[in-house]
């Protein structure tokens, strides 16, 4: 009797799993990246170059300006540390000859 209950419960579990109630795997989203793997057609003709997307000013604003700002902050803070520890202090020489 107990063996029969085990078989029934396994059968019920498998049926529920097939229906998607149990053991439902999350759907994996795959990002489709446009990529061309062939350079010639079946007739032998060379395909034209793919279109190039130029980001121009967007690239400048997103890469150059933030890293330039971060670099100036780092150098300013490092110069303050050097002056605080008297490692490099600019001298105020008056050249009044």
PDB file of N, CA and C in Angstrom:
ATOM      1  N   UNK A   1       0.823  -1.192   0.000  1.00  0.00           N
ATOM      2  CA  UNK A   1       0.000   0.000   0.000  1.00  0.00           C
ATOM      3  C   UNK A   1       0.870   1.260   0.000  1.00  0.00           C
ATOM      4  N   UNK A   2       1.942   1.255   0.819  1.00  0.00           N
ATOM      5  CA  UNK A   2       2.815   2.420   0.888  1.00  0.00           C
ATOM      6  C   UNK A   2       3.569   2.603  -0.426  1.00  0.00           C
ATOM      7  N   UNK A   3       3.966   1.499  -1.058  1.00  0.00           N
ATOM      8  CA  UNK A   3       4.666   1.594  -2.334  1.00  0.00           C
ATOM      9  C   UNK A   3       3.747   2.171  -3.402  1.00  0.00           C
ATOM     10  N   UNK A   4       2.483   1.781  -3.328  1.00  0.00           N
ATOM     11  CA  UNK A   4       1.509   2.280  -4.291  1.00  0.00           C
ATOM     12  C   UNK A   4       1.304   3.782  -4.133  1.00  0.00           C
ATOM     13  N   UNK A   5       1.322   4.292  -2.895  1.00  0.00           N
ATOM     14  CA  UNK A   5       1.158   5.717  -2.635  1.00  0.00           C
ATOM     15  C   UNK A   5       2.356   6.494  -3.185  1.00  0.00           C
ATOM     16  N   UNK A   6       3.554   5.872  -3.072  1.00  0.00           N
ATOM     17  CA  UNK A   6       4.751   6.523  -3.601  1.00  0.00           C
ATOM     18  C   UNK A   6       4.678   6.666  -5.103  1.00  0.00           C
ATOM     19  N   UNK A   7       4.194   5.654  -5.787  1.00  0.00           N
ATOM     20  CA  UNK A   7       4.070   5.700  -7.239  1.00  0.00           C
ATOM     21  C   UNK A   7       3.053   6.750  -7.652  1.00  0.00           C
ATOM     22  N   UNK A   8       1.954   6.814  -6.916  1.00  0.00           N
ATOM     23  CA  UNK A   8       0.929   7.803  -7.245  1.00  0.00           C
ATOM     24  C   UNK A   8       1.428   9.225  -6.995  1.00  0.00           C
ATOM     25  N   UNK A   9       2.162   9.403  -5.922  1.00  0.00           N
ATOM     26  CA  UNK A   9       2.629  10.752  -5.640  1.00  0.00           C
ATOM     27  C   UNK A   9       3.683  11.189  -6.665  1.00  0.00           C
ATOM     28  N   UNK A  10       4.530  10.256  -7.107  1.00  0.00           N
ATOM     29  CA  UNK A  10       5.518  10.575  -8.127  1.00  0.00           C
ATOM     30  C   UNK A  10       4.820  10.904  -9.441  1.00  0.00           C
ATOM     31  N   UNK A  11       3.792  10.141  -9.780  1.00  0.00           N
ATOM     32  CA  UNK A  11       3.056  10.396 -11.012  1.00  0.00           C
ATOM     33  C   UNK A  11       2.360  11.757 -10.950  1.00  0.00           C
ATOM     34  N   UNK A  12       1.794  12.070  -9.803  1.00  0.00           N
ATOM     35  CA  UNK A  12       1.136  13.364  -9.642  1.00  0.00           C
ATOM     36  C   UNK A  12       2.143  14.509  -9.706  1.00  0.00           C
ATOM     37  N   UNK A  13       3.311  14.302  -9.134  1.00  0.00           N
ATOM     38  CA  UNK A  13       4.360  15.315  -9.148  1.00  0.00           C
ATOM     39  C   UNK A  13       4.838  15.584 -10.571  1.00  0.00           C
ATOM     40  N   UNK A  14       5.022  14.508 -11.336  1.00  0.00           N
ATOM     41  CA  UNK A  14       5.471  14.681 -12.719  1.00  0.00           C
ATOM     42  C   UNK A  14       4.417  15.378 -13.568  1.00  0.00           C
ATOM     43  N   UNK A  15       3.156  15.048 -13.351  1.00  0.00           N
ATOM     44  CA  UNK A  15       2.086  15.692 -14.114  1.00  0.00           C
ATOM     45  C   UNK A  15       2.016  17.182 -13.794  1.00  0.00           C
ATOM     46  N   UNK A  16       2.169  17.519 -12.519  1.00  0.00           N
ATOM     47  CA  UNK A  16       2.133  18.922 -12.133  1.00  0.00           C
ATOM     48  C   UNK A  16       3.357  19.661 -12.694  1.00  0.00           C
ATOM     49  N   UNK A  17       4.495  18.969 -12.729  1.00  0.00           N
ATOM     50  CA  UNK A  17       5.699  19.588 -13.259  1.00  0.00           C
ATOM     51  C   UNK A  17       5.564  19.846 -14.755  1.00  0.00           C
ATOM     52  N   UNK A  18       4.957  18.909 -15.475  1.00  0.00           N
ATOM     53  CA  UNK A  18       4.747  19.104 -16.905  1.00  0.00           C
ATOM     54  C   UNK A  18       3.779  20.245 -17.186  1.00  0.00           C
ATOM     55  N   UNK A  19       2.807  20.412 -16.299  1.00  0.00           N
ATOM     56  CA  UNK A  19       1.819  21.473 -16.486  1.00  0.00           C
ATOM     57  C   UNK A  19       2.409  22.845 -16.186  1.00  0.00           C
ATOM     58  N   UNK A  20       3.576  22.877 -15.561  1.00  0.00           N
ATOM     59  CA  UNK A  20       4.211  24.147 -15.261  1.00  0.00           C
ATOM     60  C   UNK A  20       3.911  24.652 -13.873  1.00  0.00           C
ATOM     61  N   UNK A  21       3.198  23.914 -13.083  1.00  0.00           N
ATOM     62  CA  UNK A  21       2.883  24.338 -11.728  1.00  0.00           C
ATOM     63  C   UNK A  21       4.079  24.215 -10.806  1.00  0.00           C
ATOM     64  N   UNK A  22       4.799  23.134 -10.920  1.00  0.00           N
ATOM     65  CA  UNK A  22       5.992  22.905 -10.115  1.00  0.00           C
ATOM     66  C   UNK A  22       7.211  22.908 -11.019  1.00  0.00           C
ATOM     67  N   UNK A  23       8.311  23.191 -10.489  1.00  0.00           N
ATOM     68  CA  UNK A  23       9.576  23.160 -11.219  1.00  0.00           C
ATOM     69  C   UNK A  23       9.541  24.003 -12.494  1.00  0.00           C
ATOM     70  N   UNK A  24       8.804  25.070 -12.454  1.00  0.00           N
ATOM     71  CA  UNK A  24       8.736  25.934 -13.634  1.00  0.00           C
ATOM     72  C   UNK A  24      10.042  26.695 -13.739  1.00  0.00           C
ATOM     73  N   UNK A  25      10.728  26.526 -14.832  1.00  0.00           N
ATOM     74  CA  UNK A  25      11.992  27.220 -15.050  1.00  0.00           C
ATOM     75  C   UNK A  25      11.713  28.645 -15.473  1.00  0.00           C
ATOM     76  N   UNK A  26      12.488  29.584 -14.941  1.00  0.00           N
ATOM     77  CA  UNK A  26      12.289  30.953 -15.410  1.00  0.00           C
ATOM     78  C   UNK A  26      12.725  31.074 -16.867  1.00  0.00           C
ATOM     79  N   UNK A  27      11.983  31.841 -17.597  1.00  0.00           N
ATOM     80  CA  UNK A  27      12.297  32.011 -19.017  1.00  0.00           C
ATOM     81  C   UNK A  27      13.556  32.840 -19.149  1.00  0.00           C
ATOM     82  N   UNK A  28      14.468  32.377 -19.958  1.00  0.00           N
ATOM     83  CA  UNK A  28      15.721  33.079 -20.173  1.00  0.00           C
ATOM     84  C   UNK A  28      15.556  34.009 -21.364  1.00  0.00           C
ATOM     85  N   UNK A  29      15.883  35.267 -21.138  1.00  0.00           N
ATOM     86  CA  UNK A  29      15.805  36.213 -22.239  1.00  0.00           C
ATOM     87  C   UNK A  29      17.171  36.286 -22.903  1.00  0.00           C
ATOM     88  N   UNK A  30      17.170  36.154 -24.180  1.00  0.00           N
ATOM     89  CA  UNK A  30      18.416  36.234 -24.922  1.00  0.00           C
ATOM     90  C   UNK A  30      18.393  37.517 -25.731  1.00  0.00           C
ATOM     91  N   UNK A  31      19.410  38.316 -25.545  1.00  0.00           N
ATOM     92  CA  UNK A  31      19.512  39.559 -26.291  1.00  0.00           C
ATOM     93  C   UNK A  31      20.042  39.251 -27.686  1.00  0.00           C
ATOM     94  N   UNK A  32      19.380  39.773 -28.662  1.00  0.00           N
ATOM     95  CA  UNK A  32      19.784  39.548 -30.041  1.00  0.00           C
ATOM     96  C   UNK A  32      20.669  40.707 -30.467  1.00  0.00           C
ATOM     97  N   UNK A  33      21.908  40.397 -30.745  1.00  0.00           N
ATOM     98  CA  UNK A  33      22.863  41.398 -31.191  1.00  0.00           C
ATOM     99  C   UNK A  33      23.047  41.227 -32.689  1.00  0.00           C
ATOM    100  N   UNK A  34      22.828  42.302 -33.448  1.00  0.00           N
ATOM    101  CA  UNK A  34      22.998  42.157 -34.889  1.00  0.00           C
ATOM    102  C   UNK A  34      24.461  41.856 -35.223  1.00  0.00           C
ATOM    103  N   UNK A  35      24.664  40.732 -35.872  1.00  0.00           N
ATOM    104  CA  UNK A  35      26.018  40.299 -36.203  1.00  0.00           C
ATOM    105  C   UNK A  35      25.967  39.604 -37.556  1.00  0.00           C
ATOM    106  N   UNK A  36      26.864  39.970 -38.420  1.00  0.00           N
ATOM    107  CA  UNK A  36      26.899  39.340 -39.733  1.00  0.00           C
ATOM    108  C   UNK A  36      28.128  38.458 -39.799  1.00  0.00           C
ATOM    109  N   UNK A  37      27.928  37.184 -40.082  1.00  0.00           N
ATOM    110  CA  UNK A  37      29.033  36.237 -40.101  1.00  0.00           C
ATOM    111  C   UNK A  37      29.508  35.907 -41.505  1.00  0.00           C
ATOM    112  N   UNK A  38      28.796  36.355 -42.526  1.00  0.00           N
ATOM    113  CA  UNK A  38      29.207  36.074 -43.898  1.00  0.00           C
ATOM    114  C   UNK A  38      29.617  37.376 -44.571  1.00  0.00           C
ATOM    115  N   UNK A  39      30.572  37.295 -45.467  1.00  0.00           N
ATOM    116  CA  UNK A  39      31.003  38.487 -46.194  1.00  0.00           C
ATOM    117  C   UNK A  39      30.700  38.396 -47.676  1.00  0.00           C
ATOM    118  N   UNK A  40      30.252  37.239 -48.115  1.00  0.00           N
ATOM    119  CA  UNK A  40      29.930  37.069 -49.529  1.00  0.00           C
ATOM    120  C   UNK A  40      28.599  36.347 -49.666  1.00  0.00           C
ATOM    121  N   UNK A  41      27.902  36.651 -50.754  1.00  0.00           N
ATOM    122  CA  UNK A  41      26.628  35.984 -51.008  1.00  0.00           C
ATOM    123  C   UNK A  41      26.891  34.597 -51.586  1.00  0.00           C
ATOM    124  N   UNK A  42      25.826  33.845 -51.773  1.00  0.00           N
ATOM    125  CA  UNK A  42      25.979  32.492 -52.312  1.00  0.00           C
ATOM    126  C   UNK A  42      26.483  32.509 -53.759  1.00  0.00           C
ATOM    127  N   UNK A  43      26.261  33.616 -54.467  1.00  0.00           N
ATOM    128  CA  UNK A  43      26.738  33.740 -55.842  1.00  0.00           C
ATOM    129  C   UNK A  43      28.205  34.169 -55.894  1.00  0.00           C
ATOM    130  N   UNK A  44      28.774  34.569 -54.766  1.00  0.00           N
ATOM    131  CA  UNK A  44      30.167  34.962 -54.723  1.00  0.00           C
ATOM    132  C   UNK A  44      30.388  36.453 -54.662  1.00  0.00           C
ATOM    133  N   UNK A  45      29.325  37.237 -54.685  1.00  0.00           N
ATOM    134  CA  UNK A  45      29.467  38.691 -54.636  1.00  0.00           C
ATOM    135  C   UNK A  45      29.764  39.132 -53.198  1.00  0.00           C
ATOM    136  N   UNK A  46      30.636  40.108 -53.064  1.00  0.00           N
ATOM    137  CA  UNK A  46      30.966  40.632 -51.742  1.00  0.00           C
ATOM    138  C   UNK A  46      29.827  41.542 -51.285  1.00  0.00           C
ATOM    139  N   UNK A  47      29.357  41.320 -50.066  1.00  0.00           N
ATOM    140  CA  UNK A  47      28.261  42.112 -49.523  1.00  0.00           C
ATOM    141  C   UNK A  47      28.760  43.505 -49.142  1.00  0.00           C
ATOM    142  N   UNK A  48      27.871  44.514 -49.172  1.00  0.00           N
ATOM    143  CA  UNK A  48      28.301  45.868 -48.801  1.00  0.00           C
ATOM    144  C   UNK A  48      28.622  45.958 -47.310  1.00  0.00           C
ATOM    145  N   UNK A  49      29.389  46.998 -46.949  1.00  0.00           N
ATOM    146  CA  UNK A  49      29.740  47.198 -45.554  1.00  0.00           C
ATOM    147  C   UNK A  49      28.486  47.458 -44.734  1.00  0.00           C
ATOM    148  N   UNK A  50      28.451  46.970 -43.505  1.00  0.00           N
ATOM    149  CA  UNK A  50      27.296  47.283 -42.650  1.00  0.00           C
ATOM    150  C   UNK A  50      27.309  48.757 -42.258  1.00  0.00           C
ATOM    151  N   UNK A  51      26.150  49.265 -41.902  1.00  0.00           N
ATOM    152  CA  UNK A  51      26.049  50.667 -41.524  1.00  0.00           C
ATOM    153  C   UNK A  51      26.768  50.896 -40.202  1.00  0.00           C
ATOM    154  N   UNK A  52      27.518  51.983 -40.128  1.00  0.00           N
ATOM    155  CA  UNK A  52      28.249  52.327 -38.911  1.00  0.00           C
ATOM    156  C   UNK A  52      27.481  53.404 -38.169  1.00  0.00           C
ATOM    157  N   UNK A  53      27.289  53.179 -36.868  1.00  0.00           N
ATOM    158  CA  UNK A  53      26.596  54.152 -36.043  1.00  0.00           C
ATOM    159  C   UNK A  53      27.652  54.960 -35.288  1.00  0.00           C
ATOM    160  N   UNK A  54      27.730  56.232 -35.568  1.00  0.00           N
ATOM    161  CA  UNK A  54      28.700  57.104 -34.910  1.00  0.00           C
ATOM    162  C   UNK A  54      28.001  57.848 -33.785  1.00  0.00           C
ATOM    163  N   UNK A  55      28.602  57.809 -32.598  1.00  0.00           N
ATOM    164  CA  UNK A  55      27.980  58.463 -31.458  1.00  0.00           C
ATOM    165  C   UNK A  55      28.547  59.855 -31.196  1.00  0.00           C
ATOM    166  N   UNK A  56      29.676  60.216 -31.761  1.00  0.00           N
ATOM    167  CA  UNK A  56      30.236  61.558 -31.721  1.00  0.00           C
ATOM    168  C   UNK A  56      30.199  62.246 -30.371  1.00  0.00           C
ATOM    169  N   UNK A  57      29.350  63.263 -30.263  1.00  0.00           N
ATOM    170  CA  UNK A  57      29.273  64.057 -29.040  1.00  0.00           C
ATOM    171  C   UNK A  57      28.763  63.258 -27.853  1.00  0.00           C
ATOM    172  N   UNK A  58      27.926  62.292 -28.103  1.00  0.00           N
ATOM    173  CA  UNK A  58      27.440  61.456 -27.005  1.00  0.00           C
ATOM    174  C   UNK A  58      28.599  60.722 -26.354  1.00  0.00           C
ATOM    175  N   UNK A  59      29.525  60.234 -27.154  1.00  0.00           N
ATOM    176  CA  UNK A  59      30.707  59.554 -26.630  1.00  0.00           C
ATOM    177  C   UNK A  59      31.560  60.522 -25.815  1.00  0.00           C
ATOM    178  N   UNK A  60      31.695  61.751 -26.276  1.00  0.00           N
ATOM    179  CA  UNK A  60      32.477  62.755 -25.554  1.00  0.00           C
ATOM    180  C   UNK A  60      31.851  63.032 -24.191  1.00  0.00           C
ATOM    181  N   UNK A  61      30.569  63.243 -24.189  1.00  0.00           N
ATOM    182  CA  UNK A  61      29.904  63.584 -22.930  1.00  0.00           C
ATOM    183  C   UNK A  61      29.872  62.420 -21.952  1.00  0.00           C
ATOM    184  N   UNK A  62      29.796  61.201 -22.429  1.00  0.00           N
ATOM    185  CA  UNK A  62      29.689  60.063 -21.515  1.00  0.00           C
ATOM    186  C   UNK A  62      31.024  59.486 -21.090  1.00  0.00           C
ATOM    187  N   UNK A  63      32.104  59.761 -21.815  1.00  0.00           N
ATOM    188  CA  UNK A  63      33.397  59.169 -21.468  1.00  0.00           C
ATOM    189  C   UNK A  63      34.408  60.228 -21.047  1.00  0.00           C
ATOM    190  N   UNK A  64      34.673  61.179 -21.892  1.00  0.00           N
ATOM    191  CA  UNK A  64      35.766  62.111 -21.660  1.00  0.00           C
ATOM    192  C   UNK A  64      35.474  63.040 -20.492  1.00  0.00           C
ATOM    193  N   UNK A  65      34.334  63.681 -20.488  1.00  0.00           N
ATOM    194  CA  UNK A  65      34.044  64.688 -19.473  1.00  0.00           C
ATOM    195  C   UNK A  65      33.978  64.093 -18.061  1.00  0.00           C
ATOM    196  N   UNK A  66      33.270  62.985 -17.805  1.00  0.00           N
ATOM    197  CA  UNK A  66      33.267  62.446 -16.432  1.00  0.00           C
ATOM    198  C   UNK A  66      34.648  62.009 -15.956  1.00  0.00           C
ATOM    199  N   UNK A  67      35.435  61.355 -16.810  1.00  0.00           N
ATOM    200  CA  UNK A  67      36.753  60.899 -16.373  1.00  0.00           C
ATOM    201  C   UNK A  67      37.719  62.065 -16.217  1.00  0.00           C
ATOM    202  N   UNK A  68      37.567  63.115 -16.990  1.00  0.00           N
ATOM    203  CA  UNK A  68      38.378  64.311 -16.812  1.00  0.00           C
ATOM    204  C   UNK A  68      38.057  64.958 -15.473  1.00  0.00           C
ATOM    205  N   UNK A  69      36.790  65.006 -15.119  1.00  0.00           N
ATOM    206  CA  UNK A  69      36.366  65.566 -13.837  1.00  0.00           C
ATOM    207  C   UNK A  69      36.884  64.725 -12.674  1.00  0.00           C
ATOM    208  N   UNK A  70      36.793  63.414 -12.775  1.00  0.00           N
ATOM    209  CA  UNK A  70      37.294  62.532 -11.724  1.00  0.00           C
ATOM    210  C   UNK A  70      38.806  62.687 -11.580  1.00  0.00           C
ATOM    211  N   UNK A  71      39.518  62.810 -12.685  1.00  0.00           N
ATOM    212  CA  UNK A  71      40.964  63.002 -12.632  1.00  0.00           C
ATOM    213  C   UNK A  71      41.354  64.300 -11.952  1.00  0.00           C
ATOM    214  N   UNK A  72      40.616  65.380 -12.215  1.00  0.00           N
ATOM    215  CA  UNK A  72      40.923  66.647 -11.550  1.00  0.00           C
ATOM    216  C   UNK A  72      40.624  66.576 -10.061  1.00  0.00           C
ATOM    217  N   UNK A  73      39.573  65.874  -9.664  1.00  0.00           N
ATOM    218  CA  UNK A  73      39.285  65.721  -8.235  1.00  0.00           C
ATOM    219  C   UNK A  73      40.394  64.934  -7.534  1.00  0.00           C
ATOM    220  N   UNK A  74      40.866  63.865  -8.161  1.00  0.00           N
ATOM    221  CA  UNK A  74      41.932  63.058  -7.561  1.00  0.00           C
ATOM    222  C   UNK A  74      43.203  63.882  -7.431  1.00  0.00           C
ATOM    223  N   UNK A  75      43.578  64.617  -8.472  1.00  0.00           N
ATOM    224  CA  UNK A  75      44.813  65.400  -8.404  1.00  0.00           C
ATOM    225  C   UNK A  75      44.701  66.531  -7.397  1.00  0.00           C
ATOM    226  N   UNK A  76      43.532  67.153  -7.275  1.00  0.00           N
ATOM    227  CA  UNK A  76      43.352  68.222  -6.305  1.00  0.00           C
ATOM    228  C   UNK A  76      43.477  67.686  -4.882  1.00  0.00           C
ATOM    229  N   UNK A  77      42.856  66.524  -4.616  1.00  0.00           N
ATOM    230  CA  UNK A  77      42.936  65.935  -3.281  1.00  0.00           C
ATOM    231  C   UNK A  77      44.354  65.468  -2.966  1.00  0.00           C
ATOM    232  N   UNK A  78      45.069  64.938  -3.941  1.00  0.00           N
ATOM    233  CA  UNK A  78      46.435  64.488  -3.716  1.00  0.00           C
ATOM    234  C   UNK A  78      47.361  65.674  -3.459  1.00  0.00           C
ATOM    235  N   UNK A  79      47.153  66.772  -4.153  1.00  0.00           N
ATOM    236  CA  UNK A  79      47.947  67.978  -3.912  1.00  0.00           C
ATOM    237  C   UNK A  79      47.684  68.515  -2.509  1.00  0.00           C
ATOM    238  N   UNK A  80      46.437  68.451  -2.039  1.00  0.00           N
ATOM    239  CA  UNK A  80      46.123  68.889  -0.677  1.00  0.00           C
ATOM    240  C   UNK A  80      46.811  68.002   0.352  1.00  0.00           C
ATOM    241  N   UNK A  81      46.873  66.695   0.110  1.00  0.00           N
ATOM    242  CA  UNK A  81      47.561  65.776   1.029  1.00  0.00           C
ATOM    243  C   UNK A  81      49.049  66.078   1.051  1.00  0.00           C
ATOM    244  N   UNK A  82      49.646  66.347  -0.092  1.00  0.00           N
ATOM    245  CA  UNK A  82      51.072  66.669  -0.140  1.00  0.00           C
ATOM    246  C   UNK A  82      51.383  67.956   0.621  1.00  0.00           C
ATOM    247  N   UNK A  83      50.526  68.959   0.472  1.00  0.00           N
ATOM    248  CA  UNK A  83      50.748  70.202   1.205  1.00  0.00           C
ATOM    249  C   UNK A  83      50.534  70.006   2.702  1.00  0.00           C
ATOM    250  N   UNK A  84      49.575  69.194   3.075  1.00  0.00           N
ATOM    251  CA  UNK A  84      49.297  68.951   4.493  1.00  0.00           C
ATOM    252  C   UNK A  84      50.474  68.289   5.187  1.00  0.00           C
ATOM    253  N   UNK A  85      51.148  67.396   4.515  1.00  0.00           N
ATOM    254  CA  UNK A  85      52.291  66.685   5.103  1.00  0.00           C
ATOM    255  C   UNK A  85      53.627  67.363   4.791  1.00  0.00           C
ATOM    256  N   UNK A  86      53.586  68.552   4.260  1.00  0.00           N
ATOM    257  CA  UNK A  86      54.774  69.339   3.917  1.00  0.00           C
ATOM    258  C   UNK A  86      55.751  68.570   3.035  1.00  0.00           C
ATOM    259  N   UNK A  87      55.217  67.764   2.135  1.00  0.00           N
ATOM    260  CA  UNK A  87      56.066  67.039   1.188  1.00  0.00           C
ATOM    261  C   UNK A  87      56.396  67.931   0.003  1.00  0.00           C
ATOM    262  N   UNK A  88      55.423  68.584  -0.493  1.00  0.00           N
ATOM    263  CA  UNK A  88      55.638  69.513  -1.599  1.00  0.00           C
ATOM    264  C   UNK A  88      54.831  70.758  -1.306  1.00  0.00           C
ATOM    265  N   UNK A  89      55.519  71.798  -0.942  1.00  0.00           N
ATOM    266  CA  UNK A  89      54.862  73.073  -0.672  1.00  0.00           C
ATOM    267  C   UNK A  89      55.493  74.102  -1.593  1.00  0.00           C
ATOM    268  N   UNK A  90      54.718  74.715  -2.437  1.00  0.00           N
ATOM    269  CA  UNK A  90      55.301  75.731  -3.316  1.00  0.00           C
ATOM    270  C   UNK A  90      55.826  76.908  -2.491  1.00  0.00           C
ATOM    271  N   UNK A  91      57.025  77.340  -2.822  1.00  0.00           N
ATOM    272  CA  UNK A  91      57.633  78.459  -2.099  1.00  0.00           C
ATOM    273  C   UNK A  91      57.200  79.762  -2.724  1.00  0.00           C
ATOM    274  N   UNK A  92      56.999  80.719  -1.890  1.00  0.00           N
ATOM    275  CA  UNK A  92      56.614  82.056  -2.355  1.00  0.00           C
ATOM    276  C   UNK A  92      57.878  82.906  -2.395  1.00  0.00           C
ATOM    277  N   UNK A  93      58.644  82.734  -3.418  1.00  0.00           N
ATOM    278  CA  UNK A  93      59.867  83.529  -3.582  1.00  0.00           C
ATOM    279  C   UNK A  93      59.536  84.845  -4.255  1.00  0.00           C
ATOM    280  N   UNK A  94      59.962  85.894  -3.637  1.00  0.00           N
ATOM    281  CA  UNK A  94      59.804  87.205  -4.249  1.00  0.00           C
ATOM    282  C   UNK A  94      61.112  87.576  -4.911  1.00  0.00           C
ATOM    283  N   UNK A  95      61.077  87.754  -6.170  1.00  0.00           N
ATOM    284  CA  UNK A  95      62.270  88.123  -6.909  1.00  0.00           C
ATOM    285  C   UNK A  95      62.323  89.627  -7.098  1.00  0.00           C
ATOM    286  N   UNK A  96      62.482  90.319  -6.004  1.00  0.00           N
ATOM    287  CA  UNK A  96      62.569  91.789  -6.073  1.00  0.00           C
ATOM    288  C   UNK A  96      64.034  92.198  -6.078  1.00  0.00           C
ATOM    289  N   UNK A  97      64.636  92.152  -7.181  1.00  0.00           N
ATOM    290  CA  UNK A  97      66.056  92.529  -7.271  1.00  0.00           C
ATOM    291  C   UNK A  97      66.233  93.969  -7.544  1.00  0.00           C
TER     292      UNK A  97
END
